[in-house]
C-alpha atoms as a PDB file:
ATOM      1  CA  UNK A   1      -7.341  32.262  39.382  1.00  0.00           C
ATOM      2  CA  UNK A   2      -7.117  32.052  35.584  1.00  0.00           C
ATOM      3  CA  UNK A   3     -10.121  33.436  33.754  1.00  0.00           C
ATOM      4  CA  UNK A   4     -11.308  31.066  31.010  1.00  0.00           C
ATOM      5  CA  UNK A   5     -13.065  33.996  29.289  1.00  0.00           C
ATOM      6  CA  UNK A   6      -9.949  36.067  28.704  1.00  0.00           C
ATOM      7  CA  UNK A   7      -9.950  37.511  25.182  1.00  0.00           C
ATOM      8  CA  UNK A   8      -7.215  38.649  22.829  1.00  0.00           C
ATOM      9  CA  UNK A   9      -8.453  42.216  23.466  1.00  0.00           C
ATOM     10  CA  UNK A  10      -7.655  41.753  27.178  1.00  0.00           C
ATOM     11  CA  UNK A  11      -4.124  40.604  26.392  1.00  0.00           C
ATOM     12  CA  UNK A  12      -3.603  43.417  23.876  1.00  0.00           C
ATOM     13  CA  UNK A  13      -4.782  46.016  26.422  1.00  0.00           C
ATOM     14  CA  UNK A  14      -2.456  44.719  29.132  1.00  0.00           C
ATOM     15  CA  UNK A  15       0.605  44.880  26.874  1.00  0.00           C
ATOM     16  CA  UNK A  16      -0.283  47.932  24.809  1.00  0.00           C
ATOM     17  CA  UNK A  17      -0.188  46.114  21.454  1.00  0.00           C
ATOM     18  CA  UNK A  18      -2.792  45.557  18.764  1.00  0.00           C
ATOM     19  CA  UNK A  19      -5.212  42.598  18.719  1.00  0.00           C
ATOM     20  CA  UNK A  20      -3.682  41.680  15.359  1.00  0.00           C
ATOM     21  CA  UNK A  21      -0.274  41.378  17.002  1.00  0.00           C
ATOM     22  CA  UNK A  22      -1.706  39.153  19.748  1.00  0.00           C
ATOM     23  CA  UNK A  23      -3.405  36.959  17.151  1.00  0.00           C
ATOM     24  CA  UNK A  24      -0.168  36.645  15.196  1.00  0.00           C
ATOM     25  CA  UNK A  25       1.772  35.612  18.276  1.00  0.00           C
ATOM     26  CA  UNK A  26      -0.776  33.030  19.449  1.00  0.00           C
ATOM     27  CA  UNK A  27      -2.132  31.652  16.174  1.00  0.00           C
ATOM     28  CA  UNK A  28       0.575  32.370  13.613  1.00  0.00           C
ATOM     29  CA  UNK A  29       0.413  34.689  10.651  1.00  0.00           C
ATOM     30  CA  UNK A  30       2.570  37.046   8.631  1.00  0.00           C
ATOM     31  CA  UNK A  31       2.584  40.006  11.049  1.00  0.00           C
ATOM     32  CA  UNK A  32       6.097  40.985  12.143  1.00  0.00           C
ATOM     33  CA  UNK A  33       7.114  41.355  15.779  1.00  0.00           C
ATOM     34  CA  UNK A  34      10.183  40.840  17.911  1.00  0.00           C
ATOM     35  CA  UNK A  35      10.763  37.532  19.660  1.00  0.00           C
ATOM     36  CA  UNK A  36      10.557  39.436  22.944  1.00  0.00           C
ATOM     37  CA  UNK A  37       7.057  40.709  22.126  1.00  0.00           C
ATOM     38  CA  UNK A  38       5.951  37.243  20.994  1.00  0.00           C
ATOM     39  CA  UNK A  39       7.192  35.649  24.196  1.00  0.00           C
ATOM     40  CA  UNK A  40       5.545  38.321  26.372  1.00  0.00           C
ATOM     41  CA  UNK A  41       2.201  37.723  24.657  1.00  0.00           C
ATOM     42  CA  UNK A  42       2.441  33.952  25.065  1.00  0.00           C
ATOM     43  CA  UNK A  43       3.513  34.234  28.680  1.00  0.00           C
ATOM     44  CA  UNK A  44       0.607  36.542  29.562  1.00  0.00           C
ATOM     45  CA  UNK A  45      -1.847  34.334  27.679  1.00  0.00           C
ATOM     46  CA  UNK A  46      -0.679  31.338  29.747  1.00  0.00           C
ATOM     47  CA  UNK A  47      -0.840  33.347  32.964  1.00  0.00           C
ATOM     48  CA  UNK A  48      -4.394  34.532  32.298  1.00  0.00           C
ATOM     49  CA  UNK A  49      -5.563  31.136  31.035  1.00  0.00           C
ATOM     50  CA  UNK A  50      -6.463  32.338  27.549  1.00  0.00           C
ATOM     51  CA  UNK A  51      -8.508  29.752  25.592  1.00  0.00           C
ATOM     52  CA  UNK A  52      -8.910  30.421  21.858  1.00  0.00           C
ATOM     53  CA  UNK A  53     -12.404  30.655  20.457  1.00  0.00           C
ATOM     54  CA  UNK A  54     -12.025  27.888  17.897  1.00  0.00           C
ATOM     55  CA  UNK A  55     -15.467  28.398  16.409  1.00  0.00           C
ATOM     56  CA  UNK A  56     -14.870  32.083  15.777  1.00  0.00           C
ATOM     57  CA  UNK A  57     -11.427  31.359  14.410  1.00  0.00           C
ATOM     58  CA  UNK A  58     -12.839  28.619  12.185  1.00  0.00           C
ATOM     59  CA  UNK A  59     -15.486  30.961  10.819  1.00  0.00           C
ATOM     60  CA  UNK A  60     -12.760  33.400   9.821  1.00  0.00           C
ATOM     61  CA  UNK A  61     -10.605  30.719   8.225  1.00  0.00           C
ATOM     62  CA  UNK A  62     -13.449  28.813   6.602  1.00  0.00           C
ATOM     63  CA  UNK A  63     -12.856  25.577   8.560  1.00  0.00           C
ATOM     64  CA  UNK A  64     -12.770  24.255  12.118  1.00  0.00           C
ATOM     65  CA  UNK A  65      -9.931  22.218  13.707  1.00  0.00           C
ATOM     66  CA  UNK A  66     -11.651  19.003  12.639  1.00  0.00           C
ATOM     67  CA  UNK A  67     -10.542  16.142  10.397  1.00  0.00           C
ATOM     68  CA  UNK A  68     -13.480  14.332   8.805  1.00  0.00           C
ATOM     69  CA  UNK A  69     -13.493  10.617   7.957  1.00  0.00           C
ATOM     70  CA  UNK A  70     -16.002   8.867   5.721  1.00  0.00           C
ATOM     71  CA  UNK A  71     -15.774   5.280   6.999  1.00  0.00           C
ATOM     72  CA  UNK A  72     -16.772   2.219   5.008  1.00  0.00           C
ATOM     73  CA  UNK A  73     -17.367  -0.231   7.845  1.00  0.00           C
ATOM     74  CA  UNK A  74     -14.143   0.745   9.601  1.00  0.00           C
ATOM     75  CA  UNK A  75     -15.697   1.715  12.933  1.00  0.00           C
ATOM     76  CA  UNK A  76     -17.793  -1.471  13.044  1.00  0.00           C
ATOM     77  CA  UNK A  77     -14.809  -3.853  12.804  1.00  0.00           C
ATOM     78  CA  UNK A  78     -12.850  -4.223  16.060  1.00  0.00           C
ATOM     79  CA  UNK A  79      -9.627  -5.238  14.300  1.00  0.00           C
ATOM     80  CA  UNK A  80      -9.607  -2.345  11.816  1.00  0.00           C
ATOM     81  CA  UNK A  81     -10.289   0.251  14.513  1.00  0.00           C
ATOM     82  CA  UNK A  82      -6.523   0.293  15.184  1.00  0.00           C
ATOM     83  CA  UNK A  83      -6.390   2.636  12.193  1.00  0.00           C
ATOM     84  CA  UNK A  84      -8.784   5.089  13.806  1.00  0.00           C
ATOM     85  CA  UNK A  85      -7.145   4.891  17.231  1.00  0.00           C
ATOM     86  CA  UNK A  86      -3.730   5.717  15.795  1.00  0.00           C
ATOM     87  CA  UNK A  87      -5.185   8.399  13.511  1.00  0.00           C
ATOM     88  CA  UNK A  88      -7.010  10.060  16.403  1.00  0.00           C
ATOM     89  CA  UNK A  89      -3.851  10.103  18.533  1.00  0.00           C
ATOM     90  CA  UNK A  90      -1.898  11.806  15.732  1.00  0.00           C
ATOM     91  CA  UNK A  91      -4.647  14.391  15.215  1.00  0.00           C
ATOM     92  CA  UNK A  92      -5.008  15.189  18.927  1.00  0.00           C
ATOM     93  CA  UNK A  93      -1.286  15.862  19.159  1.00  0.00           C
ATOM     94  CA  UNK A  94      -1.972  18.817  16.838  1.00  0.00           C
ATOM     95  CA  UNK A  95      -5.063  20.006  18.678  1.00  0.00           C
ATOM     96  CA  UNK A  96      -7.371  18.560  16.015  1.00  0.00           C
ATOM     97  CA  UNK A  97     -10.528  16.545  16.590  1.00  0.00           C
ATOM     98  CA  UNK A  98     -11.678  13.649  14.426  1.00  0.00           C
ATOM     99  CA  UNK A  99     -15.288  13.261  13.320  1.00  0.00           C
ATOM    100  CA  UNK A 100     -16.260   9.971  11.671  1.00  0.00           C
ATOM    101  CA  UNK A 101     -19.398   9.152   9.732  1.00  0.00           C
ATOM    102  CA  UNK A 102     -20.135   5.577   8.662  1.00  0.00           C
ATOM    103  CA  UNK A 103     -21.564   5.129   5.166  1.00  0.00           C
ATOM    104  CA  UNK A 104     -23.824   2.257   6.202  1.00  0.00           C
ATOM    105  CA  UNK A 105     -26.004   2.165   3.064  1.00  0.00           C
ATOM    106  CA  UNK A 106     -25.864   5.872   2.216  1.00  0.00           C
ATOM    107  CA  UNK A 107     -24.028   7.319  -0.742  1.00  0.00           C
ATOM    108  CA  UNK A 108     -20.524   8.723  -0.399  1.00  0.00           C
ATOM    109  CA  UNK A 109     -21.935  12.116  -1.429  1.00  0.00           C
ATOM    110  CA  UNK A 110     -24.449  12.076   1.445  1.00  0.00           C
ATOM    111  CA  UNK A 111     -21.760  11.129   3.953  1.00  0.00           C
ATOM    112  CA  UNK A 112     -19.440  13.881   2.760  1.00  0.00           C
ATOM    113  CA  UNK A 113     -22.268  16.437   2.870  1.00  0.00           C
ATOM    114  CA  UNK A 114     -22.955  15.477   6.485  1.00  0.00           C
ATOM    115  CA  UNK A 115     -19.314  16.134   7.394  1.00  0.00           C
ATOM    116  CA  UNK A 116     -19.118  19.379   5.429  1.00  0.00           C
ATOM    117  CA  UNK A 117     -21.758  20.944   7.665  1.00  0.00           C
ATOM    118  CA  UNK A 118     -19.148  20.770  10.452  1.00  0.00           C
ATOM    119  CA  UNK A 119     -16.618  22.749   8.379  1.00  0.00           C
ATOM    120  CA  UNK A 120     -13.746  20.216   8.664  1.00  0.00           C
ATOM    121  CA  UNK A 121     -10.225  21.150   7.693  1.00  0.00           C
ATOM    122  CA  UNK A 122     -10.190  18.204   5.291  1.00  0.00           C
ATOM    123  CA  UNK A 123     -11.977  14.902   4.616  1.00  0.00           C
ATOM    124  CA  UNK A 124     -10.556  11.408   4.049  1.00  0.00           C
ATOM    125  CA  UNK A 125     -12.132   8.085   3.054  1.00  0.00           C
ATOM    126  CA  UNK A 126     -11.250   4.980   5.098  1.00  0.00           C
ATOM    127  CA  UNK A 127     -12.103   1.321   4.508  1.00  0.00           C
ATOM    128  CA  UNK A 128     -12.139  -1.677   6.856  1.00  0.00           C
ATOM    129  CA  UNK A 129     -10.087  -3.736   4.389  1.00  0.00           C
ATOM    130  CA  UNK A 130      -7.890  -3.168   1.352  1.00  0.00           C
ATOM    131  CA  UNK A 131     -10.144  -2.487  -1.635  1.00  0.00           C
ATOM    132  CA  UNK A 132     -10.537  -0.277  -4.695  1.00  0.00           C
ATOM    133  CA  UNK A 133     -13.163   2.449  -4.269  1.00  0.00           C
ATOM    134  CA  UNK A 134     -14.895   4.474  -6.967  1.00  0.00           C
ATOM    135  CA  UNK A 135     -15.052   8.081  -5.787  1.00  0.00           C
ATOM    136  CA  UNK A 136     -17.577  10.291  -7.628  1.00  0.00           C
ATOM    137  CA  UNK A 137     -15.980  12.954  -9.811  1.00  0.00           C
ATOM    138  CA  UNK A 138     -17.769  15.661  -7.816  1.00  0.00           C
ATOM    139  CA  UNK A 139     -15.790  14.694  -4.688  1.00  0.00           C
ATOM    140  CA  UNK A 140     -12.304  14.517  -6.161  1.00  0.00           C
ATOM    141  CA  UNK A 141     -11.432  17.949  -4.850  1.00  0.00           C
ATOM    142  CA  UNK A 142     -13.065  17.253  -1.487  1.00  0.00           C
ATOM    143  CA  UNK A 143     -11.701  13.874  -0.376  1.00  0.00           C
ATOM    144  CA  UNK A 144      -7.974  14.404   0.060  1.00  0.00           C
ATOM    145  CA  UNK A 145      -6.759  10.938   1.140  1.00  0.00           C
ATOM    146  CA  UNK A 146      -7.772   7.275   0.861  1.00  0.00           C
ATOM    147  CA  UNK A 147      -6.974   5.245   3.982  1.00  0.00           C
ATOM    148  CA  UNK A 148      -6.580   1.444   3.749  1.00  0.00           C
ATOM    149  CA  UNK A 149      -8.039   1.560   0.235  1.00  0.00           C
ATOM    150  CA  UNK A 150      -7.271   2.827  -3.273  1.00  0.00           C
ATOM    151  CA  UNK A 151      -8.946   5.371  -5.505  1.00  0.00           C
ATOM    152  CA  UNK A 152     -10.125   3.567  -8.642  1.00  0.00           C
ATOM    153  CA  UNK A 153      -9.054   6.459 -10.883  1.00  0.00           C
ATOM    154  CA  UNK A 154      -5.669   6.714  -9.183  1.00  0.00           C
ATOM    155  CA  UNK A 155      -6.058  10.468  -8.608  1.00  0.00           C
ATOM    156  CA  UNK A 156      -6.419  10.649  -4.818  1.00  0.00           C
ATOM    157  CA  UNK A 157      -3.366   9.728  -2.690  1.00  0.00           C
ATOM    158  CA  UNK A 158      -3.838   6.354  -0.992  1.00  0.00           C
ATOM    159  CA  UNK A 159      -2.297   4.587   2.009  1.00  0.00           C
ATOM    160  CA  UNK A 160      -2.520   0.779   1.753  1.00  0.00           C
ATOM    161  CA  UNK A 161      -0.808  -2.291   3.228  1.00  0.00           C
ATOM    162  CA  UNK A 162       2.183  -3.614   1.259  1.00  0.00           C
ATOM    163  CA  UNK A 163       0.514  -6.961   0.547  1.00  0.00           C
ATOM    164  CA  UNK A 164       2.959  -8.420  -1.977  1.00  0.00           C
ATOM    165  CA  UNK A 165       6.026  -7.544   0.073  1.00  0.00           C
ATOM    166  CA  UNK A 166       4.396  -9.135   3.129  1.00  0.00           C
ATOM    167  CA  UNK A 167       3.853 -12.416   1.281  1.00  0.00           C
ATOM    168  CA  UNK A 168       7.418 -12.429   0.011  1.00  0.00           C
ATOM    169  CA  UNK A 169       8.684 -11.844   3.562  1.00  0.00           C
ATOM    170  CA  UNK A 170       6.677 -14.648   5.177  1.00  0.00           C
ATOM    171  CA  UNK A 171       7.476 -17.158   2.429  1.00  0.00           C
ATOM    172  CA  UNK A 172      11.171 -16.307   2.707  1.00  0.00           C
ATOM    173  CA  UNK A 173      10.829 -16.837   6.472  1.00  0.00           C
ATOM    174  CA  UNK A 174       9.494 -20.340   5.801  1.00  0.00           C
ATOM    175  CA  UNK A 175      12.323 -21.030   3.354  1.00  0.00           C
ATOM    176  CA  UNK A 176      14.829 -19.910   5.986  1.00  0.00           C
ATOM    177  CA  UNK A 177      13.392 -22.620   8.260  1.00  0.00           C
ATOM    178  CA  UNK A 178      13.972 -25.271   5.573  1.00  0.00           C
ATOM    179  CA  UNK A 179      10.365 -25.415   4.466  1.00  0.00           C
ATOM    180  CA  UNK A 180      10.217 -25.832   0.699  1.00  0.00           C
ATOM    181  CA  UNK A 181       6.841 -27.468   0.045  1.00  0.00           C
ATOM    182  CA  UNK A 182       4.338 -24.743   0.907  1.00  0.00           C
ATOM    183  CA  UNK A 183       0.573 -24.879   0.435  1.00  0.00           C
ATOM    184  CA  UNK A 184      -1.403 -21.624   0.391  1.00  0.00           C
ATOM    185  CA  UNK A 185      -5.005 -21.435   1.625  1.00  0.00           C
ATOM    186  CA  UNK A 186      -5.859 -17.986   0.285  1.00  0.00           C
ATOM    187  CA  UNK A 187      -8.898 -15.692   0.555  1.00  0.00           C
ATOM    188  CA  UNK A 188     -10.896 -15.758  -2.700  1.00  0.00           C
ATOM    189  CA  UNK A 189     -11.830 -12.579  -4.514  1.00  0.00           C
ATOM    190  CA  UNK A 190      -9.900 -10.021  -2.444  1.00  0.00           C
ATOM    191  CA  UNK A 191      -7.346  -7.553  -3.793  1.00  0.00           C
ATOM    192  CA  UNK A 192      -5.067  -8.369  -0.864  1.00  0.00           C
ATOM    193  CA  UNK A 193      -5.253 -12.067  -1.710  1.00  0.00           C
ATOM    194  CA  UNK A 194      -4.282 -11.505  -5.345  1.00  0.00           C
ATOM    195  CA  UNK A 195      -1.313  -9.376  -4.311  1.00  0.00           C
ATOM    196  CA  UNK A 196      -0.257 -11.908  -1.692  1.00  0.00           C
ATOM    197  CA  UNK A 197      -0.360 -14.680  -4.274  1.00  0.00           C
ATOM    198  CA  UNK A 198       1.902 -12.545  -6.461  1.00  0.00           C
ATOM    199  CA  UNK A 199       4.300 -12.257  -3.540  1.00  0.00           C
ATOM    200  CA  UNK A 200       4.065 -16.002  -2.860  1.00  0.00           C
ATOM    201  CA  UNK A 201       5.061 -16.709  -6.454  1.00  0.00           C
ATOM    202  CA  UNK A 202       7.774 -14.049  -6.515  1.00  0.00           C
ATOM    203  CA  UNK A 203       9.445 -15.519  -3.414  1.00  0.00           C
ATOM    204  CA  UNK A 204       9.486 -18.974  -4.998  1.00  0.00           C
ATOM    205  CA  UNK A 205      10.874 -17.602  -8.256  1.00  0.00           C
ATOM    206  CA  UNK A 206      13.651 -15.736  -6.420  1.00  0.00           C
ATOM    207  CA  UNK A 207      14.779 -19.042  -4.882  1.00  0.00           C
ATOM    208  CA  UNK A 208      14.225 -21.107  -8.020  1.00  0.00           C
ATOM    209  CA  UNK A 209      11.654 -23.235  -6.191  1.00  0.00           C
ATOM    210  CA  UNK A 210       8.675 -24.562  -8.130  1.00  0.00           C
ATOM    211  CA  UNK A 211       5.195 -23.560  -6.966  1.00  0.00           C
ATOM    212  CA  UNK A 212       2.815 -26.489  -6.501  1.00  0.00           C
ATOM    213  CA  UNK A 213      -0.177 -25.073  -8.349  1.00  0.00           C
ATOM    214  CA  UNK A 214      -2.574 -27.665  -6.928  1.00  0.00           C
ATOM    215  CA  UNK A 215      -1.684 -26.454  -3.430  1.00  0.00           C
ATOM    216  CA  UNK A 216      -2.937 -22.882  -3.952  1.00  0.00           C
ATOM    217  CA  UNK A 217      -6.498 -23.239  -2.726  1.00  0.00           C
ATOM    218  CA  UNK A 218      -9.440 -21.045  -1.645  1.00  0.00           C
ATOM    219  CA  UNK A 219     -10.153 -21.123   2.084  1.00  0.00           C
ATOM    220  CA  UNK A 220     -13.897 -20.652   1.571  1.00  0.00           C
ATOM    221  CA  UNK A 221     -16.514 -21.523  -1.004  1.00  0.00           C
ATOM    222  CA  UNK A 222     -17.767 -18.816  -3.383  1.00  0.00           C
ATOM    223  CA  UNK A 223     -16.202 -16.017  -5.395  1.00  0.00           C
ATOM    224  CA  UNK A 224     -15.561 -13.674  -2.434  1.00  0.00           C
ATOM    225  CA  UNK A 225     -14.160 -14.405   1.003  1.00  0.00           C
ATOM    226  CA  UNK A 226     -16.450 -13.575   3.921  1.00  0.00           C
ATOM    227  CA  UNK A 227     -16.572 -14.647   7.548  1.00  0.00           C
ATOM    228  CA  UNK A 228     -19.868 -16.456   6.949  1.00  0.00           C
ATOM    229  CA  UNK A 229     -18.852 -18.207   3.729  1.00  0.00           C
ATOM    230  CA  UNK A 230     -18.635 -21.985   4.033  1.00  0.00           C
ATOM    231  CA  UNK A 231     -15.141 -23.058   4.997  1.00  0.00           C
ATOM    232  CA  UNK A 232     -13.206 -25.488   2.806  1.00  0.00           C
ATOM    233  CA  UNK A 233     -10.275 -25.772   5.188  1.00  0.00           C
ATOM    234  CA  UNK A 234     -10.992 -29.192   6.662  1.00  0.00           C
ATOM    235  CA  UNK A 235     -11.468 -30.898   3.299  1.00  0.00           C
ATOM    236  CA  UNK A 236      -8.443 -29.168   1.769  1.00  0.00           C
ATOM    237  CA  UNK A 237      -6.187 -30.219   4.655  1.00  0.00           C
ATOM    238  CA  UNK A 238      -7.472 -33.805   4.439  1.00  0.00           C
ATOM    239  CA  UNK A 239      -6.720 -33.878   0.698  1.00  0.00           C
ATOM    240  CA  UNK A 240      -3.276 -32.297   1.083  1.00  0.00           C
ATOM    241  CA  UNK A 241      -2.191 -35.067   3.472  1.00  0.00           C
ATOM    242  CA  UNK A 242      -3.922 -38.012   1.816  1.00  0.00           C
ATOM    243  CA  UNK A 243      -1.080 -38.976  -0.509  1.00  0.00           C
ATOM    244  CA  UNK A 244       2.693 -39.369  -0.543  1.00  0.00           C
ATOM    245  CA  UNK A 245       3.379 -35.770  -1.706  1.00  0.00           C
ATOM    246  CA  UNK A 246       2.660 -33.596   1.316  1.00  0.00           C
ATOM    247  CA  UNK A 247       3.379 -29.965   2.179  1.00  0.00           C
ATOM    248  CA  UNK A 248       5.758 -29.174   4.999  1.00  0.00           C
ATOM    249  CA  UNK A 249       4.173 -25.736   5.555  1.00  0.00           C
ATOM    250  CA  UNK A 250       0.807 -24.061   5.068  1.00  0.00           C
ATOM    251  CA  UNK A 251       0.473 -20.328   4.518  1.00  0.00           C
ATOM    252  CA  UNK A 252      -2.972 -19.092   5.547  1.00  0.00           C
ATOM    253  CA  UNK A 253      -4.877 -16.107   4.151  1.00  0.00           C
ATOM    254  CA  UNK A 254      -5.557 -14.797   7.651  1.00  0.00           C
ATOM    255  CA  UNK A 255      -5.384 -15.845  11.283  1.00  0.00           C
ATOM    256  CA  UNK A 256      -8.968 -17.160  11.305  1.00  0.00           C
ATOM    257  CA  UNK A 257      -8.103 -19.560   8.509  1.00  0.00           C
ATOM    258  CA  UNK A 258      -4.964 -20.546  10.443  1.00  0.00           C
ATOM    259  CA  UNK A 259      -7.084 -21.343  13.488  1.00  0.00           C
ATOM    260  CA  UNK A 260      -9.142 -23.754  11.378  1.00  0.00           C
ATOM    261  CA  UNK A 261      -5.987 -25.278   9.905  1.00  0.00           C
ATOM    262  CA  UNK A 262      -4.720 -26.032  13.415  1.00  0.00           C
ATOM    263  CA  UNK A 263      -7.859 -28.036  14.145  1.00  0.00           C
ATOM    264  CA  UNK A 264      -7.821 -29.817  10.775  1.00  0.00           C
ATOM    265  CA  UNK A 265      -4.173 -30.864  11.171  1.00  0.00           C
ATOM    266  CA  UNK A 266      -4.820 -32.265  14.627  1.00  0.00           C
ATOM    267  CA  UNK A 267      -7.624 -34.386  13.176  1.00  0.00           C
ATOM    268  CA  UNK A 268      -4.953 -35.797  10.865  1.00  0.00           C
ATOM    269  CA  UNK A 269      -2.699 -36.552  13.833  1.00  0.00           C
ATOM    270  CA  UNK A 270      -0.097 -33.961  12.757  1.00  0.00           C
ATOM    271  CA  UNK A 271       1.929 -31.726  15.039  1.00  0.00           C
ATOM    272  CA  UNK A 272       2.784 -28.028  14.572  1.00  0.00           C
ATOM    273  CA  UNK A 273       5.555 -27.191  13.725  1.00  0.00           C
ATOM    274  CA  UNK A 274       7.249 -30.623  13.867  1.00  0.00           C
ATOM    275  CA  UNK A 275       5.233 -32.062  10.969  1.00  0.00           C
ATOM    276  CA  UNK A 276       3.885 -28.873   9.396  1.00  0.00           C
ATOM    277  CA  UNK A 277       4.749 -25.212   9.899  1.00  0.00           C
ATOM    278  CA  UNK A 278       1.905 -22.693   9.843  1.00  0.00           C
ATOM    279  CA  UNK A 279       2.182 -18.999   8.961  1.00  0.00           C
ATOM    280  CA  UNK A 280      -0.427 -16.364   8.305  1.00  0.00           C
ATOM    281  CA  UNK A 281      -1.389 -12.709   7.839  1.00  0.00           C
ATOM    282  CA  UNK A 282      -3.060 -10.092  10.101  1.00  0.00           C
ATOM    283  CA  UNK A 283      -1.806 -10.716  13.660  1.00  0.00           C
ATOM    284  CA  UNK A 284      -5.220 -10.734  15.285  1.00  0.00           C
ATOM    285  CA  UNK A 285      -3.659 -11.058  18.716  1.00  0.00           C
ATOM    286  CA  UNK A 286      -6.740 -12.564  20.353  1.00  0.00           C
ATOM    287  CA  UNK A 287      -6.317 -15.476  17.919  1.00  0.00           C
ATOM    288  CA  UNK A 288      -2.629 -15.607  16.991  1.00  0.00           C
ATOM    289  CA  UNK A 289      -1.159 -15.322  20.476  1.00  0.00           C
ATOM    290  CA  UNK A 290      -3.602 -17.803  22.004  1.00  0.00           C
ATOM    291  CA  UNK A 291      -3.227 -20.654  19.539  1.00  0.00           C
ATOM    292  CA  UNK A 292      -1.146 -23.633  20.642  1.00  0.00           C
ATOM    293  CA  UNK A 293       1.579 -23.157  19.570  1.00  0.00           C
ATOM    294  CA  UNK A 294       1.280 -19.371  19.109  1.00  0.00           C
ATOM    295  CA  UNK A 295       1.064 -18.366  15.445  1.00  0.00           C
ATOM    296  CA  UNK A 296       3.778 -16.728  13.336  1.00  0.00           C
ATOM    297  CA  UNK A 297       2.060 -14.084  11.237  1.00  0.00           C
ATOM    298  CA  UNK A 298       2.504 -10.844   9.312  1.00  0.00           C
ATOM    299  CA  UNK A 299       0.999  -7.944  11.268  1.00  0.00           C
ATOM    300  CA  UNK A 300      -1.189  -5.623   9.196  1.00  0.00           C
ATOM    301  CA  UNK A 301       0.202  -2.073   9.401  1.00  0.00           C
ATOM    302  CA  UNK A 302      -3.042  -0.535  10.657  1.00  0.00           C
ATOM    303  CA  UNK A 303      -1.390   1.564  13.355  1.00  0.00           C
ATOM    304  CA  UNK A 304       1.251   2.857  10.951  1.00  0.00           C
ATOM    305  CA  UNK A 305      -1.416   3.665   8.341  1.00  0.00           C
ATOM    306  CA  UNK A 306      -3.478   5.589  10.893  1.00  0.00           C
ATOM    307  CA  UNK A 307      -0.452   7.491  12.164  1.00  0.00           C
ATOM    308  CA  UNK A 308       0.735   8.338   8.641  1.00  0.00           C
ATOM    309  CA  UNK A 309      -2.768   9.497   7.663  1.00  0.00           C
ATOM    310  CA  UNK A 310      -2.934  11.760  10.728  1.00  0.00           C
ATOM    311  CA  UNK A 311       0.435  13.299   9.889  1.00  0.00           C
ATOM    312  CA  UNK A 312      -0.579  13.926   6.273  1.00  0.00           C
ATOM    313  CA  UNK A 313      -3.976  15.421   7.058  1.00  0.00           C
ATOM    314  CA  UNK A 314      -2.507  17.558   9.862  1.00  0.00           C
ATOM    315  CA  UNK A 315      -0.091  19.031   7.333  1.00  0.00           C
ATOM    316  CA  UNK A 316       3.149  17.592   8.754  1.00  0.00           C
ATOM    317  CA  UNK A 317       4.036  15.488   5.743  1.00  0.00           C
ATOM    318  CA  UNK A 318       2.976  14.835   2.172  1.00  0.00           C
ATOM    319  CA  UNK A 319       2.159  11.473   0.576  1.00  0.00           C
ATOM    320  CA  UNK A 320       5.291   9.946  -0.914  1.00  0.00           C
ATOM    321  CA  UNK A 321       3.399   8.856  -4.021  1.00  0.00           C
ATOM    322  CA  UNK A 322      -0.145   8.324  -5.253  1.00  0.00           C
ATOM    323  CA  UNK A 323      -0.265   4.827  -3.721  1.00  0.00           C
ATOM    324  CA  UNK A 324       1.914   4.612  -0.628  1.00  0.00           C
ATOM    325  CA  UNK A 325       2.360   0.991   0.488  1.00  0.00           C
ATOM    326  CA  UNK A 326       3.006   0.644   4.225  1.00  0.00           C
ATOM    327  CA  UNK A 327       5.028  -2.453   5.256  1.00  0.00           C
ATOM    328  CA  UNK A 328       3.757  -5.253   7.471  1.00  0.00           C
ATOM    329  CA  UNK A 329       5.753  -6.501  10.467  1.00  0.00           C
ATOM    330  CA  UNK A 330       6.789 -10.135  10.865  1.00  0.00           C
ATOM    331  CA  UNK A 331       5.683 -11.437  14.263  1.00  0.00           C
ATOM    332  CA  UNK A 332       7.649 -14.607  15.009  1.00  0.00           C
ATOM    333  CA  UNK A 333       6.046 -17.109  17.333  1.00  0.00           C
ATOM    334  CA  UNK A 334       6.301 -20.887  17.661  1.00  0.00           C
ATOM    335  CA  UNK A 335       4.347 -22.240  14.656  1.00  0.00           C
ATOM    336  CA  UNK A 336       7.307 -22.248  12.216  1.00  0.00           C
END
């Protein structure tokens, strides 16, 4: 039976080589040896059930096989946890564990200090939605990657959704379905919303189609979108269809707004997509796939962001640029 307490000294003694040679074969390093010797060491280690002492190895290297994440609300939002699930899968494939600490009212410095006690290989900062984050100067050499957010100073590599490109794609999709009069119920105050409006305008300009400025409207009251902010959807939809000039499509800031638009249109006696096409952003499947008809939407690239972050922090790839925009995916359903 394999002995879980087998040491490198045991393997070295069996094969008549040095412990340093065994370490080089099993854990890498600059020591030279023949391929035959390397294979013999690995084969015996497998036969004996050798398990590396990761703590001891980490003490020698100055870090443990851990990736630390400072999370700003990420682990408390079911939708955004796709980032962490994908990130964790990528890390585990390299034998790395992920430790997450939620800021929750503490300072970034306190959260980082908590992680540093565990001697992580590196630390990243992750946000539940696309935002700009001010990282203290003292942490610029500590936090190595921004996930789903941007570093205000532009010094730390960042992985973010390609918001503008997503808006251009979904608007072009509506144009391709002969929808030319598009209203946009956007999310006030968010970086993503501003970038999506830029994409909305760019798609119109590329086609030479005039934007109806009066049809770009906030989905909620107040300067910043929030789930609990008072919705303006019902009154906006009523106003949009009260006169002779009516939209033939509504682009929604997210799938929750789209869900409200469905109800508001039905109060007006309008059918989707026969009278009005509806498109959106996010692809919250529990909403988008269950609406009647199911909703066409741009899927946030949370899984791709998490996977890319895991590959970068595991050392398999480098960021392509300081701000790496990850594309959305168009999910076509029956609302267009």
